[in-house]
């Protein structure tokens, strides 16, 4: 669990199969939700962050523990 609570608009980075990626948080989900038939698990204590890649525009969903605040 991440100790830092990210906010909408924060630029964050994470590791993906393609390497290190940076993106901007566009939404915070604090309840389970569906995307393309896949159920993402989220709660107020462990939210999932919706992030748009700054390079490709791809939308990703990650828990705070996978993210770092980008400088």
N, C-alpha and C. Protein backbone atom coordinates (compact mmCIF):
# COMPACT_ATOMS: atom_id res chain seq x y z
N UNK A 1 0.85 -1.18 0.00
CA UNK A 1 0.00 0.00 0.00
C UNK A 1 0.89 1.24 0.00
N UNK A 2 0.53 2.19 -0.84
CA UNK A 2 1.30 3.43 -0.93
C UNK A 2 0.98 4.33 0.25
N UNK A 3 2.00 4.96 0.83
CA UNK A 3 1.77 5.91 1.90
C UNK A 3 1.35 7.27 1.34
N UNK A 4 1.72 7.52 0.08
CA UNK A 4 1.39 8.79 -0.55
C UNK A 4 0.06 8.68 -1.26
N UNK A 5 -0.82 9.64 -1.04
CA UNK A 5 -2.10 9.68 -1.74
C UNK A 5 -1.94 10.62 -2.93
N UNK A 6 -1.97 10.06 -4.12
CA UNK A 6 -1.84 10.86 -5.32
C UNK A 6 -3.14 11.59 -5.59
N UNK A 7 -3.06 12.66 -6.38
CA UNK A 7 -4.23 13.46 -6.71
C UNK A 7 -4.38 13.57 -8.22
N UNK A 8 -5.60 13.88 -8.66
CA UNK A 8 -5.84 14.12 -10.08
C UNK A 8 -4.94 15.26 -10.53
N UNK A 9 -4.28 15.05 -11.66
CA UNK A 9 -3.36 16.04 -12.19
C UNK A 9 -1.91 15.74 -11.89
N UNK A 10 -1.63 14.89 -10.89
CA UNK A 10 -0.25 14.52 -10.58
C UNK A 10 0.36 13.77 -11.76
N UNK A 11 1.64 14.03 -12.02
CA UNK A 11 2.39 13.27 -13.02
C UNK A 11 3.16 12.19 -12.26
N UNK A 12 2.95 10.96 -12.66
CA UNK A 12 3.55 9.81 -11.97
C UNK A 12 4.31 8.95 -12.97
N UNK A 13 5.13 8.05 -12.46
CA UNK A 13 5.83 7.11 -13.31
C UNK A 13 5.66 5.71 -12.75
N UNK A 14 5.83 4.71 -13.64
CA UNK A 14 5.73 3.31 -13.24
C UNK A 14 6.49 2.46 -14.24
N UNK A 15 6.79 1.24 -13.85
CA UNK A 15 7.48 0.29 -14.71
C UNK A 15 6.44 -0.50 -15.49
N UNK A 16 6.66 -0.66 -16.78
CA UNK A 16 5.79 -1.50 -17.61
C UNK A 16 6.67 -2.44 -18.42
N UNK A 17 6.05 -3.30 -19.21
CA UNK A 17 6.81 -4.20 -20.06
C UNK A 17 7.69 -3.41 -21.03
N UNK A 18 7.25 -2.20 -21.39
CA UNK A 18 7.99 -1.37 -22.35
C UNK A 18 9.05 -0.51 -21.67
N UNK A 19 9.18 -0.58 -20.36
CA UNK A 19 10.14 0.23 -19.64
C UNK A 19 9.45 1.21 -18.71
N UNK A 20 10.15 2.28 -18.36
CA UNK A 20 9.61 3.29 -17.45
C UNK A 20 8.65 4.21 -18.21
N UNK A 21 7.46 4.43 -17.66
CA UNK A 21 6.43 5.23 -18.32
C UNK A 21 6.02 6.38 -17.39
N UNK A 22 5.72 7.54 -17.98
CA UNK A 22 5.19 8.67 -17.23
C UNK A 22 3.79 8.98 -17.73
N UNK A 23 2.92 9.39 -16.80
CA UNK A 23 1.57 9.74 -17.17
C UNK A 23 0.94 10.68 -16.15
N UNK A 24 -0.22 11.20 -16.52
CA UNK A 24 -0.95 12.13 -15.66
C UNK A 24 -2.20 11.42 -15.13
N UNK A 25 -2.44 11.52 -13.83
CA UNK A 25 -3.63 10.93 -13.21
C UNK A 25 -4.85 11.73 -13.64
N UNK A 26 -5.84 11.03 -14.18
CA UNK A 26 -7.07 11.69 -14.64
C UNK A 26 -8.29 11.32 -13.80
N UNK A 27 -8.19 10.23 -13.02
CA UNK A 27 -9.32 9.82 -12.17
C UNK A 27 -8.78 8.91 -11.07
N UNK A 28 -9.53 8.87 -9.97
CA UNK A 28 -9.19 7.99 -8.85
C UNK A 28 -10.42 7.15 -8.55
N UNK A 29 -10.24 5.84 -8.58
CA UNK A 29 -11.35 4.90 -8.33
C UNK A 29 -11.20 4.33 -6.93
N UNK A 30 -12.26 4.45 -6.11
CA UNK A 30 -12.18 3.92 -4.75
C UNK A 30 -13.23 2.85 -4.48
N UNK A 31 -13.73 2.26 -5.57
CA UNK A 31 -14.66 1.13 -5.50
C UNK A 31 -14.38 0.25 -6.71
N UNK A 32 -14.69 -1.05 -6.64
CA UNK A 32 -14.45 -1.93 -7.80
C UNK A 32 -15.14 -1.37 -9.05
N UNK A 33 -14.48 -1.54 -10.21
CA UNK A 33 -15.03 -1.02 -11.46
C UNK A 33 -14.63 -1.92 -12.62
N UNK A 34 -15.38 -1.85 -13.70
CA UNK A 34 -15.14 -2.67 -14.89
C UNK A 34 -14.53 -1.82 -16.01
N UNK A 35 -13.56 -2.39 -16.71
CA UNK A 35 -13.00 -1.79 -17.91
C UNK A 35 -12.82 -2.93 -18.92
N UNK A 36 -13.53 -2.83 -20.04
CA UNK A 36 -13.46 -3.86 -21.09
C UNK A 36 -13.70 -5.26 -20.53
N UNK A 37 -14.65 -5.38 -19.62
CA UNK A 37 -15.01 -6.66 -19.05
C UNK A 37 -14.10 -7.15 -17.93
N UNK A 38 -13.05 -6.41 -17.62
CA UNK A 38 -12.13 -6.79 -16.54
C UNK A 38 -12.47 -6.00 -15.29
N UNK A 39 -12.62 -6.71 -14.17
CA UNK A 39 -12.95 -6.07 -12.90
C UNK A 39 -11.67 -5.64 -12.19
N UNK A 40 -11.54 -4.34 -11.97
CA UNK A 40 -10.42 -3.79 -11.22
C UNK A 40 -10.85 -3.66 -9.76
N UNK A 41 -9.99 -4.08 -8.87
CA UNK A 41 -10.29 -4.04 -7.44
C UNK A 41 -9.74 -2.73 -6.85
N UNK A 42 -10.62 -1.97 -6.24
CA UNK A 42 -10.24 -0.70 -5.63
C UNK A 42 -11.10 -0.49 -4.39
N UNK A 43 -10.55 0.27 -3.46
CA UNK A 43 -11.28 0.60 -2.24
C UNK A 43 -10.80 1.96 -1.76
N UNK A 44 -11.49 2.57 -0.81
CA UNK A 44 -11.00 3.85 -0.28
C UNK A 44 -9.60 3.73 0.32
N UNK A 45 -9.27 2.57 0.92
CA UNK A 45 -7.95 2.37 1.51
C UNK A 45 -6.88 2.04 0.47
N UNK A 46 -7.29 1.48 -0.67
CA UNK A 46 -6.35 1.11 -1.73
C UNK A 46 -6.97 1.45 -3.09
N UNK A 47 -6.98 2.73 -3.43
CA UNK A 47 -7.60 3.15 -4.70
C UNK A 47 -6.77 2.73 -5.91
N UNK A 48 -7.43 2.72 -7.05
CA UNK A 48 -6.74 2.52 -8.33
C UNK A 48 -6.74 3.87 -9.04
N UNK A 49 -5.61 4.20 -9.63
CA UNK A 49 -5.46 5.47 -10.32
C UNK A 49 -5.55 5.26 -11.82
N UNK A 50 -6.36 6.09 -12.48
CA UNK A 50 -6.50 6.06 -13.93
C UNK A 50 -5.49 7.08 -14.47
N UNK A 51 -4.59 6.60 -15.33
CA UNK A 51 -3.46 7.42 -15.77
C UNK A 51 -3.37 7.40 -17.29
N UNK A 52 -3.15 8.57 -17.89
CA UNK A 52 -2.95 8.68 -19.33
C UNK A 52 -1.46 8.89 -19.59
N UNK A 53 -0.88 7.99 -20.39
CA UNK A 53 0.54 8.09 -20.72
C UNK A 53 0.82 9.40 -21.43
N UNK A 54 1.88 10.09 -21.01
CA UNK A 54 2.26 11.35 -21.64
C UNK A 54 2.80 11.12 -23.04
N UNK A 55 3.34 9.94 -23.31
CA UNK A 55 3.96 9.66 -24.60
C UNK A 55 2.96 9.12 -25.62
N UNK A 56 2.12 8.16 -25.20
CA UNK A 56 1.26 7.46 -26.17
C UNK A 56 -0.22 7.79 -26.04
N UNK A 57 -0.64 8.35 -24.90
CA UNK A 57 -2.06 8.60 -24.67
C UNK A 57 -2.81 7.36 -24.19
N UNK A 58 -2.10 6.24 -24.04
CA UNK A 58 -2.71 5.00 -23.55
C UNK A 58 -3.20 5.21 -22.11
N UNK A 59 -4.35 4.63 -21.78
CA UNK A 59 -4.90 4.71 -20.43
C UNK A 59 -4.52 3.46 -19.66
N UNK A 60 -3.97 3.66 -18.46
CA UNK A 60 -3.57 2.55 -17.60
C UNK A 60 -4.23 2.73 -16.23
N UNK A 61 -4.33 1.64 -15.49
CA UNK A 61 -4.90 1.64 -14.15
C UNK A 61 -3.89 0.97 -13.22
N UNK A 62 -3.50 1.67 -12.15
CA UNK A 62 -2.52 1.13 -11.21
C UNK A 62 -2.87 1.50 -9.79
N UNK A 63 -2.45 0.64 -8.86
CA UNK A 63 -2.53 0.97 -7.44
C UNK A 63 -1.37 1.91 -7.11
N UNK A 64 -1.52 2.65 -6.03
CA UNK A 64 -0.50 3.60 -5.62
C UNK A 64 0.85 2.97 -5.36
N UNK A 65 0.87 1.71 -4.93
CA UNK A 65 2.14 1.04 -4.64
C UNK A 65 3.00 0.85 -5.88
N UNK A 66 2.41 0.92 -7.06
CA UNK A 66 3.16 0.76 -8.31
C UNK A 66 3.65 2.09 -8.87
N UNK A 67 3.27 3.20 -8.23
CA UNK A 67 3.54 4.53 -8.78
C UNK A 67 4.56 5.30 -7.96
N UNK A 68 5.24 6.19 -8.66
CA UNK A 68 6.15 7.17 -8.02
C UNK A 68 5.79 8.54 -8.57
N UNK A 69 5.88 9.55 -7.75
CA UNK A 69 5.66 10.91 -8.21
C UNK A 69 6.81 11.29 -9.12
N UNK A 70 6.50 11.72 -10.35
CA UNK A 70 7.54 12.08 -11.33
C UNK A 70 7.94 13.53 -11.13
N UNK A 71 9.18 13.81 -11.38
CA UNK A 71 9.68 15.18 -11.26
C UNK A 71 9.73 15.83 -12.62
